[in-house]
Amino acid sequence: MTTQADTPHILRPAGEIKLETRRLALFYNEFRALKDISVAFPARRITALIGPSGCGKSSFLRCLNRMNDLIDGARVEGEVLLDGTDIYHSEIDIPLLRRRVGMVFQQPNPFPMTVYDNVAYGPRLHRAPGRADLDEIVERSLRSAALWDEVKDKLHQSALDLSGGQQQRLCIARVLAVEPEVVLMDEPCSALDPTATFRIEELMLELVERYTIVIVTHNMYQASRVSHYAGFFLMGELIEYGETVQIFESPKDRRTDDYVRGRFG
């Protein structure tokens, strides 16, 4: 049987592959939400997942660090390989996996604690560093998230007092503090104004020098601006995957062409 990875409209990127799925299927009880997804994500590149609401993009993203394990009735078939190791193997350390593959959610979700303690939470949980080391981690992570200059005098104030855009960058800093290798972003700008959205997009373009990024977005302009590769989902299937410029300018599947040109979805 021909798989998606073998079909001509599914590209396998050249170079180092950081994360890969092979015939990945996701079930919620008897409902099949994802159908045999085979795709490879290159290291230190941004991949955008696009498609209409309810097509399976976010469900797929949550498969990449086993967040669907937290949903009753969810079941995965197939493989998700991180550096060649199947993350669904019975001996996988799931907390370590989620440290290596971090997640930024649609709505900013800072913890109800100080700015400092939000960023320090993960390192304290995983490594218990000393105070000087922790101070360095917090500053480095906030700088990496382009937030340090705005909050360096507010480190011991509540994170809930920050603006929405600042809260989302704080959540990115919180992910970066545990030194992940992959950063998953589920519509990270959907709740933000255009100015905050632009800052997050600039940040992604800086972070990709060190991290592999996979982003779910409904914003076609955002996908075309920031990503190197793009995948189009429809009704639980990966219809087409390739370099972003090819997906947007010369898609091989009519359904992809209809979507990116605004003819449906």
C-alpha atoms as a PDB file:
ATOM      1  CA  MET A   1       0.000   0.000   0.000  1.00  0.00           C
ATOM      2  CA  THR A   2       1.259   3.482  -0.846  1.00  0.00           C
ATOM      3  CA  THR A   3       1.712   5.700   2.217  1.00  0.00           C
ATOM      4  CA  GLN A   4       1.544   9.474   2.436  1.00  0.00           C
ATOM      5  CA  ALA A   5       5.334   9.611   2.661  1.00  0.00           C
ATOM      6  CA  ASP A   6       5.496   7.850  -0.731  1.00  0.00           C
ATOM      7  CA  THR A   7       2.978  10.017  -2.577  1.00  0.00           C
ATOM      8  CA  PRO A   8       4.392  12.749  -4.844  1.00  0.00           C
ATOM      9  CA  HIS A   9       2.684  15.649  -3.063  1.00  0.00           C
ATOM     10  CA  ILE A  10       4.276  14.888   0.335  1.00  0.00           C
ATOM     11  CA  LEU A  11       7.847  16.215   0.525  1.00  0.00           C
ATOM     12  CA  ARG A  12      10.526  14.738   2.769  1.00  0.00           C
ATOM     13  CA  PRO A  13      12.865  17.654   3.540  1.00  0.00           C
ATOM     14  CA  ALA A  14      16.573  17.283   2.962  1.00  0.00           C
ATOM     15  CA  GLY A  15      19.007  17.573   5.852  1.00  0.00           C
ATOM     16  CA  GLU A  16      18.648  16.681   9.525  1.00  0.00           C
ATOM     17  CA  ILE A  17      15.175  15.501  10.539  1.00  0.00           C
ATOM     18  CA  LYS A  18      14.355  16.331  14.158  1.00  0.00           C
ATOM     19  CA  LEU A  19      10.818  15.010  14.436  1.00  0.00           C
ATOM     20  CA  GLU A  20       8.860  12.590  12.259  1.00  0.00           C
ATOM     21  CA  THR A  21       5.514  10.807  12.240  1.00  0.00           C
ATOM     22  CA  ARG A  22       4.827   7.524  10.474  1.00  0.00           C
ATOM     23  CA  ARG A  23       1.236   6.524   9.718  1.00  0.00           C
ATOM     24  CA  LEU A  24       0.085   8.402  12.802  1.00  0.00           C
ATOM     25  CA  ALA A  25      -3.595   7.980  13.642  1.00  0.00           C
ATOM     26  CA  LEU A  26      -5.491   9.471  16.578  1.00  0.00           C
ATOM     27  CA  PHE A  27      -8.780   8.223  17.971  1.00  0.00           C
ATOM     28  CA  TYR A  28     -11.110   9.806  20.512  1.00  0.00           C
ATOM     29  CA  ASN A  29     -12.969   6.669  21.588  1.00  0.00           C
ATOM     30  CA  GLU A  30     -14.368   5.414  18.259  1.00  0.00           C
ATOM     31  CA  PHE A  31     -13.920   8.698  16.355  1.00  0.00           C
ATOM     32  CA  ARG A  32     -10.860   8.797  14.106  1.00  0.00           C
ATOM     33  CA  ALA A  33      -9.521  12.355  14.312  1.00  0.00           C
ATOM     34  CA  LEU A  34      -6.273  11.791  12.346  1.00  0.00           C
ATOM     35  CA  LYS A  35      -5.707   9.390   9.457  1.00  0.00           C
ATOM     36  CA  ASP A  36      -2.260   7.931   8.748  1.00  0.00           C
ATOM     37  CA  ILE A  37      -0.167  11.107   8.941  1.00  0.00           C
ATOM     38  CA  SER A  38       3.409  10.624   7.720  1.00  0.00           C
ATOM     39  CA  VAL A  39       5.537  13.776   7.784  1.00  0.00           C
ATOM     40  CA  ALA A  40       9.097  14.797   8.681  1.00  0.00           C
ATOM     41  CA  PHE A  41      10.057  18.103  10.331  1.00  0.00           C
ATOM     42  CA  PRO A  42      13.572  19.437   9.628  1.00  0.00           C
ATOM     43  CA  ALA A  43      15.753  20.662  12.464  1.00  0.00           C
ATOM     44  CA  ARG A  44      15.986  24.408  13.108  1.00  0.00           C
ATOM     45  CA  ARG A  45      13.213  25.298  10.691  1.00  0.00           C
ATOM     46  CA  ILE A  46       9.690  26.644  11.204  1.00  0.00           C
ATOM     47  CA  THR A  47       6.869  24.466   9.924  1.00  0.00           C
ATOM     48  CA  ALA A  48       3.345  25.909   9.780  1.00  0.00           C
ATOM     49  CA  LEU A  49       0.286  23.660   9.922  1.00  0.00           C
ATOM     50  CA  ILE A  50      -2.717  25.238   8.200  1.00  0.00           C
ATOM     51  CA  GLY A  51      -6.291  24.235   7.457  1.00  0.00           C
ATOM     52  CA  PRO A  52      -9.884  25.021   8.428  1.00  0.00           C
ATOM     53  CA  SER A  53     -11.168  24.772  12.001  1.00  0.00           C
ATOM     54  CA  GLY A  54     -11.704  21.224  13.187  1.00  0.00           C
ATOM     55  CA  CYS A  55      -9.390  19.650  10.598  1.00  0.00           C
ATOM     56  CA  GLY A  56      -7.050  18.047  13.165  1.00  0.00           C
ATOM     57  CA  LYS A  57      -4.126  20.499  13.263  1.00  0.00           C
ATOM     58  CA  SER A  58      -4.135  21.048  17.014  1.00  0.00           C
ATOM     59  CA  SER A  59      -4.873  17.391  17.737  1.00  0.00           C
ATOM     60  CA  PHE A  60      -1.859  16.472  15.615  1.00  0.00           C
ATOM     61  CA  LEU A  61       0.338  19.034  17.394  1.00  0.00           C
ATOM     62  CA  ARG A  62      -0.611  17.568  20.786  1.00  0.00           C
ATOM     63  CA  CYS A  63       0.454  14.125  19.566  1.00  0.00           C
ATOM     64  CA  LEU A  64       4.011  15.418  19.196  1.00  0.00           C
ATOM     65  CA  ASN A  65       4.579  15.646  22.954  1.00  0.00           C
ATOM     66  CA  ARG A  66       1.830  13.299  24.144  1.00  0.00           C
ATOM     67  CA  MET A  67      -0.494  15.997  25.448  1.00  0.00           C
ATOM     68  CA  ASN A  68      -3.412  13.900  24.187  1.00  0.00           C
ATOM     69  CA  ASP A  69      -2.523  11.375  26.898  1.00  0.00           C
ATOM     70  CA  LEU A  70      -4.380  13.716  29.260  1.00  0.00           C
ATOM     71  CA  ILE A  71      -7.672  13.287  27.346  1.00  0.00           C
ATOM     72  CA  ASP A  72      -9.934  10.384  28.330  1.00  0.00           C
ATOM     73  CA  GLY A  73     -10.548   8.029  25.437  1.00  0.00           C
ATOM     74  CA  ALA A  74      -7.664   9.319  23.311  1.00  0.00           C
ATOM     75  CA  ARG A  75      -5.610   6.617  21.590  1.00  0.00           C
ATOM     76  CA  VAL A  76      -2.687   6.877  19.156  1.00  0.00           C
ATOM     77  CA  GLU A  77      -1.534   4.420  16.514  1.00  0.00           C
ATOM     78  CA  GLY A  78       1.612   4.672  14.414  1.00  0.00           C
ATOM     79  CA  GLU A  79       4.891   6.290  15.403  1.00  0.00           C
ATOM     80  CA  VAL A  80       6.211   9.705  16.435  1.00  0.00           C
ATOM     81  CA  LEU A  81       9.999   9.743  16.244  1.00  0.00           C
ATOM     82  CA  LEU A  82      12.139  12.304  18.091  1.00  0.00           C
ATOM     83  CA  ASP A  83      15.739  11.914  16.924  1.00  0.00           C
ATOM     84  CA  GLY A  84      14.727   8.457  15.710  1.00  0.00           C
ATOM     85  CA  THR A  85      13.179   7.264  19.012  1.00  0.00           C
ATOM     86  CA  ASP A  86       9.451   6.540  19.195  1.00  0.00           C
ATOM     87  CA  ILE A  87       8.011   8.793  21.904  1.00  0.00           C
ATOM     88  CA  TYR A  88       5.105   6.356  22.397  1.00  0.00           C
ATOM     89  CA  HIS A  89       7.397   3.538  23.509  1.00  0.00           C
ATOM     90  CA  SER A  90       6.367   2.192  26.917  1.00  0.00           C
ATOM     91  CA  GLU A  91       9.686   3.158  28.521  1.00  0.00           C
ATOM     92  CA  ILE A  92       9.641   6.822  27.473  1.00  0.00           C
ATOM     93  CA  ASP A  93      10.021   9.314  30.337  1.00  0.00           C
ATOM     94  CA  ILE A  94       7.050  11.576  29.585  1.00  0.00           C
ATOM     95  CA  PRO A  95       8.112  14.547  31.803  1.00  0.00           C
ATOM     96  CA  LEU A  96      11.521  14.481  30.091  1.00  0.00           C
ATOM     97  CA  LEU A  97       9.793  14.290  26.694  1.00  0.00           C
ATOM     98  CA  ARG A  98       7.721  17.394  27.461  1.00  0.00           C
ATOM     99  CA  ARG A  99      10.872  19.157  28.576  1.00  0.00           C
ATOM    100  CA  ARG A 100      12.501  18.340  25.212  1.00  0.00           C
ATOM    101  CA  VAL A 101       9.334  19.177  23.241  1.00  0.00           C
ATOM    102  CA  GLY A 102       7.742  22.258  24.807  1.00  0.00           C
ATOM    103  CA  MET A 103       4.293  23.661  24.090  1.00  0.00           C
ATOM    104  CA  VAL A 104       2.981  27.239  23.840  1.00  0.00           C
ATOM    105  CA  PHE A 105      -0.814  27.390  23.890  1.00  0.00           C
ATOM    106  CA  GLN A 106      -3.373  29.548  22.113  1.00  0.00           C
ATOM    107  CA  GLN A 107      -4.315  31.595  25.171  1.00  0.00           C
ATOM    108  CA  PRO A 108      -1.485  32.993  27.320  1.00  0.00           C
ATOM    109  CA  ASN A 109      -1.527  30.910  30.508  1.00  0.00           C
ATOM    110  CA  PRO A 110       0.942  32.354  33.029  1.00  0.00           C
ATOM    111  CA  PHE A 111       0.830  30.792  36.467  1.00  0.00           C
ATOM    112  CA  PRO A 112      -0.704  32.974  39.221  1.00  0.00           C
ATOM    113  CA  MET A 113       2.718  33.826  40.638  1.00  0.00           C
ATOM    114  CA  THR A 114       5.490  36.326  39.976  1.00  0.00           C
ATOM    115  CA  VAL A 115       7.186  36.827  36.629  1.00  0.00           C
ATOM    116  CA  TYR A 116      10.379  35.362  38.102  1.00  0.00           C
ATOM    117  CA  ASP A 117       8.653  32.293  39.539  1.00  0.00           C
ATOM    118  CA  ASN A 118       6.883  31.579  36.251  1.00  0.00           C
ATOM    119  CA  VAL A 119      10.201  31.260  34.428  1.00  0.00           C
ATOM    120  CA  ALA A 120      11.926  29.512  37.337  1.00  0.00           C
ATOM    121  CA  TYR A 121       9.156  26.923  37.745  1.00  0.00           C
ATOM    122  CA  GLY A 122      10.480  24.379  35.240  1.00  0.00           C
ATOM    123  CA  PRO A 123      14.165  24.545  36.211  1.00  0.00           C
ATOM    124  CA  ARG A 124      13.215  24.178  39.877  1.00  0.00           C
ATOM    125  CA  LEU A 125      11.079  21.153  39.027  1.00  0.00           C
ATOM    126  CA  HIS A 126      13.650  19.417  36.835  1.00  0.00           C
ATOM    127  CA  ARG A 127      17.070  20.462  38.137  1.00  0.00           C
ATOM    128  CA  ALA A 128      16.794  22.401  41.422  1.00  0.00           C
ATOM    129  CA  PRO A 129      19.586  24.879  40.546  1.00  0.00           C
ATOM    130  CA  GLY A 130      21.088  27.261  43.087  1.00  0.00           C
ATOM    131  CA  ARG A 131      19.887  30.859  43.319  1.00  0.00           C
ATOM    132  CA  ALA A 132      22.681  32.352  41.215  1.00  0.00           C
ATOM    133  CA  ASP A 133      22.164  29.759  38.485  1.00  0.00           C
ATOM    134  CA  LEU A 134      18.417  30.299  38.634  1.00  0.00           C
ATOM    135  CA  ASP A 135      18.826  34.069  38.285  1.00  0.00           C
ATOM    136  CA  GLU A 136      20.941  33.456  35.185  1.00  0.00           C
ATOM    137  CA  ILE A 137      18.379  31.052  33.688  1.00  0.00           C
ATOM    138  CA  VAL A 138      15.527  33.506  34.285  1.00  0.00           C
ATOM    139  CA  GLU A 139      17.386  36.418  32.710  1.00  0.00           C
ATOM    140  CA  ARG A 140      18.607  34.345  29.752  1.00  0.00           C
ATOM    141  CA  SER A 141      15.128  32.953  29.077  1.00  0.00           C
ATOM    142  CA  LEU A 142      13.459  36.358  29.292  1.00  0.00           C
ATOM    143  CA  ARG A 143      16.091  37.811  26.962  1.00  0.00           C
ATOM    144  CA  SER A 144      15.531  34.943  24.532  1.00  0.00           C
ATOM    145  CA  ALA A 145      11.812  35.728  24.608  1.00  0.00           C
ATOM    146  CA  ALA A 146      12.517  39.446  23.959  1.00  0.00           C
ATOM    147  CA  LEU A 147      10.914  40.361  27.282  1.00  0.00           C
ATOM    148  CA  TRP A 148      13.780  41.139  29.675  1.00  0.00           C
ATOM    149  CA  ASP A 149      13.926  44.891  29.082  1.00  0.00           C
ATOM    150  CA  GLU A 150      10.184  45.206  29.712  1.00  0.00           C
ATOM    151  CA  VAL A 151      10.019  43.177  32.941  1.00  0.00           C
ATOM    152  CA  LYS A 152      13.469  43.361  34.555  1.00  0.00           C
ATOM    153  CA  ASP A 153      12.063  45.801  37.145  1.00  0.00           C
ATOM    154  CA  LYS A 154       8.869  43.744  37.599  1.00  0.00           C
ATOM    155  CA  LEU A 155      10.325  40.306  38.251  1.00  0.00           C
ATOM    156  CA  HIS A 156       8.629  40.015  41.640  1.00  0.00           C
ATOM    157  CA  GLN A 157       5.255  41.342  40.519  1.00  0.00           C
ATOM    158  CA  SER A 158       2.380  39.135  39.444  1.00  0.00           C
ATOM    159  CA  ALA A 159       2.638  37.810  35.905  1.00  0.00           C
ATOM    160  CA  LEU A 160      -1.101  38.360  35.592  1.00  0.00           C
ATOM    161  CA  ASP A 161      -0.470  42.133  35.570  1.00  0.00           C
ATOM    162  CA  LEU A 162       1.362  41.921  32.228  1.00  0.00           C
ATOM    163  CA  SER A 163      -0.322  42.686  28.916  1.00  0.00           C
ATOM    164  CA  GLY A 164      -1.568  39.820  26.757  1.00  0.00           C
ATOM    165  CA  GLY A 165       1.420  39.992  24.434  1.00  0.00           C
ATOM    166  CA  GLN A 166       3.835  40.127  27.347  1.00  0.00           C
ATOM    167  CA  GLN A 167       2.095  37.158  28.975  1.00  0.00           C
ATOM    168  CA  GLN A 168       2.491  35.104  25.808  1.00  0.00           C
ATOM    169  CA  ARG A 169       6.193  35.946  25.584  1.00  0.00           C
ATOM    170  CA  LEU A 170       6.486  35.040  29.270  1.00  0.00           C
ATOM    171  CA  CYS A 171       4.973  31.638  28.463  1.00  0.00           C
ATOM    172  CA  ILE A 172       7.547  31.246  25.690  1.00  0.00           C
ATOM    173  CA  ALA A 173      10.302  32.162  28.180  1.00  0.00           C
ATOM    174  CA  ARG A 174       8.898  29.568  30.585  1.00  0.00           C
ATOM    175  CA  VAL A 175       9.223  26.913  27.871  1.00  0.00           C
ATOM    176  CA  LEU A 176      12.745  28.036  26.921  1.00  0.00           C
ATOM    177  CA  ALA A 177      13.898  27.915  30.554  1.00  0.00           C
ATOM    178  CA  VAL A 178      13.930  24.102  30.519  1.00  0.00           C
ATOM    179  CA  GLU A 179      16.107  24.075  27.378  1.00  0.00           C
ATOM    180  CA  PRO A 180      13.818  22.294  24.895  1.00  0.00           C
ATOM    181  CA  GLU A 181      14.866  21.082  21.471  1.00  0.00           C
ATOM    182  CA  VAL A 182      11.454  21.510  19.817  1.00  0.00           C
ATOM    183  CA  VAL A 183       8.884  24.253  20.460  1.00  0.00           C
ATOM    184  CA  LEU A 184       5.245  23.583  19.516  1.00  0.00           C
ATOM    185  CA  MET A 185       2.991  26.632  19.159  1.00  0.00           C
ATOM    186  CA  ASP A 186      -0.786  26.247  18.953  1.00  0.00           C
ATOM    187  CA  GLU A 187      -2.103  29.482  17.422  1.00  0.00           C
ATOM    188  CA  PRO A 188       0.105  31.568  19.743  1.00  0.00           C
ATOM    189  CA  CYS A 189      -1.044  34.906  18.306  1.00  0.00           C
ATOM    190  CA  SER A 190      -4.793  34.356  17.944  1.00  0.00           C
ATOM    191  CA  ALA A 191      -5.595  36.274  21.149  1.00  0.00           C
ATOM    192  CA  LEU A 192      -3.114  39.101  20.475  1.00  0.00           C
ATOM    193  CA  ASP A 193      -3.320  42.481  18.750  1.00  0.00           C
ATOM    194  CA  PRO A 194      -1.326  43.134  15.546  1.00  0.00           C
ATOM    195  CA  THR A 195       1.592  44.766  17.370  1.00  0.00           C
ATOM    196  CA  ALA A 196       1.975  41.854  19.804  1.00  0.00           C
ATOM    197  CA  THR A 197       1.560  39.398  16.931  1.00  0.00           C
ATOM    198  CA  PHE A 198       4.405  41.060  15.035  1.00  0.00           C
ATOM    199  CA  ARG A 199       6.688  40.787  18.073  1.00  0.00           C
ATOM    200  CA  ILE A 200       5.923  37.057  18.455  1.00  0.00           C
ATOM    201  CA  GLU A 201       6.633  36.505  14.750  1.00  0.00           C
ATOM    202  CA  GLU A 202       9.956  38.345  15.036  1.00  0.00           C
ATOM    203  CA  LEU A 203      10.756  36.222  18.069  1.00  0.00           C
ATOM    204  CA  MET A 204      10.060  32.984  16.191  1.00  0.00           C
ATOM    205  CA  LEU A 205      12.469  34.018  13.452  1.00  0.00           C
ATOM    206  CA  GLU A 206      15.163  34.570  16.096  1.00  0.00           C
ATOM    207  CA  LEU A 207      14.456  31.350  18.009  1.00  0.00           C
ATOM    208  CA  VAL A 208      14.599  29.112  14.938  1.00  0.00           C
ATOM    209  CA  GLU A 209      18.378  29.542  14.886  1.00  0.00           C
ATOM    210  CA  ARG A 210      18.408  27.260  17.957  1.00  0.00           C
ATOM    211  CA  TYR A 211      15.100  25.394  18.003  1.00  0.00           C
ATOM    212  CA  THR A 212      12.845  23.362  15.724  1.00  0.00           C
ATOM    213  CA  ILE A 213       9.447  25.084  15.668  1.00  0.00           C
ATOM    214  CA  VAL A 214       6.065  23.696  14.608  1.00  0.00           C
ATOM    215  CA  ILE A 215       3.205  26.204  14.634  1.00  0.00           C
ATOM    216  CA  VAL A 216      -0.525  25.814  14.080  1.00  0.00           C
ATOM    217  CA  THR A 217      -2.042  28.958  12.602  1.00  0.00           C
ATOM    218  CA  HIS A 218      -5.225  30.107  10.880  1.00  0.00           C
ATOM    219  CA  ASN A 219      -3.421  33.231   9.671  1.00  0.00           C
ATOM    220  CA  MET A 220      -2.309  32.599   6.095  1.00  0.00           C
ATOM    221  CA  TYR A 221      -0.162  35.741   6.067  1.00  0.00           C
ATOM    222  CA  GLN A 222       1.580  34.615   9.222  1.00  0.00           C
ATOM    223  CA  ALA A 223       2.271  31.161   7.795  1.00  0.00           C
ATOM    224  CA  SER A 224       3.703  32.642   4.609  1.00  0.00           C
ATOM    225  CA  ARG A 225       5.809  35.194   6.534  1.00  0.00           C
ATOM    226  CA  VAL A 226       7.478  33.031   9.154  1.00  0.00           C
ATOM    227  CA  SER A 227       7.569  29.404   8.019  1.00  0.00           C
ATOM    228  CA  HIS A 228      10.016  27.475   5.870  1.00  0.00           C
ATOM    229  CA  TYR A 229       7.649  24.525   5.369  1.00  0.00           C
ATOM    230  CA  ALA A 230       3.876  24.217   5.489  1.00  0.00           C
ATOM    231  CA  GLY A 231       1.389  21.375   5.756  1.00  0.00           C
ATOM    232  CA  PHE A 232      -2.286  21.604   4.791  1.00  0.00           C
ATOM    233  CA  PHE A 233      -4.721  19.549   6.864  1.00  0.00           C
ATOM    234  CA  LEU A 234      -8.308  18.716   5.907  1.00  0.00           C
ATOM    235  CA  MET A 235     -10.721  16.410   7.728  1.00  0.00           C
ATOM    236  CA  GLY A 236      -7.972  14.662   9.674  1.00  0.00           C
ATOM    237  CA  GLU A 237      -5.672  14.122   6.691  1.00  0.00           C
ATOM    238  CA  LEU A 238      -2.438  15.788   5.638  1.00  0.00           C
ATOM    239  CA  ILE A 239      -3.336  16.775   2.096  1.00  0.00           C
ATOM    240  CA  GLU A 240      -0.075  18.414   1.090  1.00  0.00           C
ATOM    241  CA  TYR A 241       3.287  19.261   2.657  1.00  0.00           C
ATOM    242  CA  GLY A 242       6.203  21.131   1.177  1.00  0.00           C
ATOM    243  CA  GLU A 243       8.254  24.295   1.181  1.00  0.00           C
ATOM    244  CA  THR A 244       6.065  27.243   2.124  1.00  0.00           C
ATOM    245  CA  VAL A 245       6.632  29.116  -1.111  1.00  0.00           C
ATOM    246  CA  GLN A 246       5.530  26.056  -3.094  1.00  0.00           C
ATOM    247  CA  ILE A 247       2.431  25.462  -0.961  1.00  0.00           C
ATOM    248  CA  PHE A 248       1.290  29.070  -1.350  1.00  0.00           C
ATOM    249  CA  GLU A 249       2.349  29.769  -4.942  1.00  0.00           C
ATOM    250  CA  SER A 250       2.066  26.443  -6.753  1.00  0.00           C
ATOM    251  CA  PRO A 251       0.251  23.811  -4.678  1.00  0.00           C
ATOM    252  CA  LYS A 252      -0.052  20.406  -6.285  1.00  0.00           C
ATOM    253  CA  ASP A 253      -3.461  19.519  -4.827  1.00  0.00           C
ATOM    254  CA  ARG A 254      -6.572  21.426  -5.871  1.00  0.00           C
ATOM    255  CA  ARG A 255      -7.886  21.440  -2.293  1.00  0.00           C
ATOM    256  CA  THR A 256      -4.724  23.157  -1.067  1.00  0.00           C
ATOM    257  CA  ASP A 257      -5.016  25.691  -3.867  1.00  0.00           C
ATOM    258  CA  ASP A 258      -8.654  26.405  -2.955  1.00  0.00           C
ATOM    259  CA  TYR A 259      -7.761  26.900   0.700  1.00  0.00           C
ATOM    260  CA  VAL A 260      -4.751  29.186   0.335  1.00  0.00           C
ATOM    261  CA  ARG A 261      -6.667  31.322  -2.196  1.00  0.00           C
ATOM    262  CA  GLY A 262      -9.620  31.684   0.167  1.00  0.00           C
ATOM    263  CA  ARG A 263     -12.127  29.658  -1.835  1.00  0.00           C
ATOM    264  CA  PHE A 264     -13.187  27.629   1.205  1.00  0.00           C
ATOM    265  CA  GLY A 265     -12.496  27.234   4.931  1.00  0.00           C
END
